[in-house]
Amino acid sequence: MESRTAPDPNDKILMILCHLSLLIGVGFVLPLVLFLVKREESPLLADHAKEVLNFHISLLIYAICCIPLVLVLIGIPMLLGLALGGLMISIVAAIKASEGVLYRYPLTIRFIV
């Protein structure tokens, strides 16, 4: 989904950081704060933050499901694949955000609508 108007440069930076929050180690905190603070002011930034929050919640659920499988040894490669896939998809989403496009993460459960 492309944006109809060009986003504010500050909002664009925040959108990119929001998608890279998994890489920079702030996880849920940055997208949640951005969503709560900027949802009235910048709907595009709020949409990016919602998408990132839904993705992080989905990753957490998938990781919790993989933990019992570690006992059968299949969970270890599944957790590694989940982590690697999450990092790669976050980078792709940040690139799309730099272009002003809302990236929809695959296999994401939409909790926050």
Protein backbone atom coordinates (compact mmCIF):
# COMPACT_ATOMS: atom_id res chain seq x y z
CA MET A 1 0.00 0.00 0.00
CA GLU A 2 1.65 3.22 -1.10
CA SER A 3 1.15 6.47 0.71
CA ARG A 4 -0.76 9.20 -1.10
CA THR A 5 1.32 12.03 0.31
CA ALA A 6 5.03 12.09 1.00
CA PRO A 7 5.69 11.44 4.67
CA ASP A 8 7.42 14.02 6.81
CA PRO A 9 11.22 13.33 6.88
CA ASN A 10 11.12 12.93 10.68
CA ASP A 11 8.23 10.49 10.38
CA LYS A 12 10.12 8.57 7.70
CA ILE A 13 13.10 8.16 10.04
CA LEU A 14 10.79 7.02 12.84
CA MET A 15 9.10 4.53 10.49
CA ILE A 16 12.48 3.05 9.54
CA LEU A 17 13.59 2.87 13.18
CA CYS A 18 10.28 1.28 14.07
CA HIS A 19 10.90 -1.54 11.61
CA LEU A 20 14.51 -1.91 12.76
CA SER A 21 13.56 -1.97 16.45
CA LEU A 22 14.11 -5.73 16.48
CA LEU A 23 17.70 -5.19 15.32
CA ILE A 24 18.54 -2.30 17.64
CA GLY A 25 17.22 -4.15 20.67
CA VAL A 26 14.23 -2.09 21.75
CA GLY A 27 11.67 -4.63 20.55
CA PHE A 28 8.10 -3.77 21.53
CA VAL A 29 8.90 -0.49 23.25
CA LEU A 30 9.63 1.82 20.30
CA PRO A 31 6.69 0.78 18.09
CA LEU A 32 4.31 0.87 21.06
CA VAL A 33 5.41 4.35 22.13
CA LEU A 34 5.27 5.65 18.56
CA PHE A 35 1.81 4.18 18.06
CA LEU A 36 0.44 5.66 21.28
CA VAL A 37 2.03 9.08 20.82
CA LYS A 38 1.73 9.65 17.07
CA ARG A 39 -1.52 7.88 16.12
CA GLU A 40 -3.55 11.10 15.94
CA GLU A 41 -0.76 13.22 14.47
CA SER A 42 0.57 10.88 11.78
CA PRO A 43 -1.72 8.05 10.59
CA LEU A 44 0.96 6.64 8.28
CA LEU A 45 3.46 6.32 11.14
CA ALA A 46 0.73 4.77 13.29
CA ASP A 47 0.04 2.18 10.57
CA HIS A 48 3.73 1.26 10.42
CA ALA A 49 3.90 0.99 14.21
CA LYS A 50 0.78 -1.24 14.29
CA GLU A 51 2.24 -3.50 11.64
CA VAL A 52 5.52 -3.84 13.56
CA LEU A 53 3.69 -4.53 16.84
CA ASN A 54 1.59 -7.24 15.20
CA PHE A 55 4.75 -8.78 13.72
CA HIS A 56 6.59 -8.77 17.05
CA ILE A 57 3.62 -10.30 18.88
CA SER A 58 3.35 -12.99 16.19
CA LEU A 59 7.09 -13.74 16.44
CA LEU A 60 6.76 -14.09 20.20
CA ILE A 61 3.87 -16.53 19.84
CA TYR A 62 5.77 -18.57 17.23
CA ALA A 63 8.86 -18.67 19.48
CA ILE A 64 6.80 -19.82 22.48
CA CYS A 65 5.37 -22.61 20.31
CA CYS A 66 8.90 -23.67 19.30
CA ILE A 67 10.27 -23.85 22.85
CA PRO A 68 8.68 -27.22 23.78
CA LEU A 69 9.99 -28.63 20.49
CA VAL A 70 13.56 -27.96 21.64
CA LEU A 71 13.24 -31.14 23.73
CA VAL A 72 12.81 -33.11 20.51
CA LEU A 73 15.66 -31.15 18.87
CA ILE A 74 13.50 -29.87 16.00
CA GLY A 75 12.85 -26.65 17.95
CA ILE A 76 16.46 -25.47 17.74
CA PRO A 77 16.56 -25.08 13.94
CA MET A 78 13.00 -23.72 14.01
CA LEU A 79 13.99 -21.00 16.51
CA LEU A 80 17.10 -20.17 14.47
CA GLY A 81 15.04 -19.96 11.28
CA LEU A 82 12.47 -17.80 13.03
CA ALA A 83 15.15 -15.42 14.28
CA LEU A 84 16.92 -15.21 10.92
CA GLY A 85 13.65 -14.79 9.01
CA GLY A 86 12.46 -12.11 11.41
CA LEU A 87 15.68 -10.14 10.98
CA MET A 88 15.62 -10.40 7.19
CA ILE A 89 11.96 -9.42 6.93
CA SER A 90 12.55 -6.45 9.26
CA ILE A 91 15.31 -5.18 6.97
CA VAL A 92 13.05 -5.53 3.91
CA ALA A 93 10.29 -3.64 5.74
CA ALA A 94 12.71 -0.85 6.69
CA ILE A 95 13.76 -0.50 3.04
CA LYS A 96 10.11 -0.33 1.98
CA ALA A 97 9.44 2.27 4.71
CA SER A 98 12.30 4.39 3.37
CA GLU A 99 10.45 4.38 0.04
CA GLY A 100 7.26 5.52 1.78
CA VAL A 101 5.47 2.18 1.35
CA LEU A 102 3.62 0.34 4.12
CA TYR A 103 5.04 -3.18 4.16
CA ARG A 104 2.70 -5.96 5.25
CA TYR A 105 4.67 -8.65 7.08
CA PRO A 106 3.95 -12.21 5.94
CA LEU A 107 2.50 -14.77 8.40
CA THR A 108 1.52 -12.01 10.82
CA ILE A 109 -1.55 -12.31 12.99
CA ARG A 110 -3.36 -8.95 13.03
CA PHE A 111 -4.06 -8.36 16.73
CA ILE A 112 -4.03 -4.56 16.57
CA VAL A 113 -6.35 -3.33 13.84
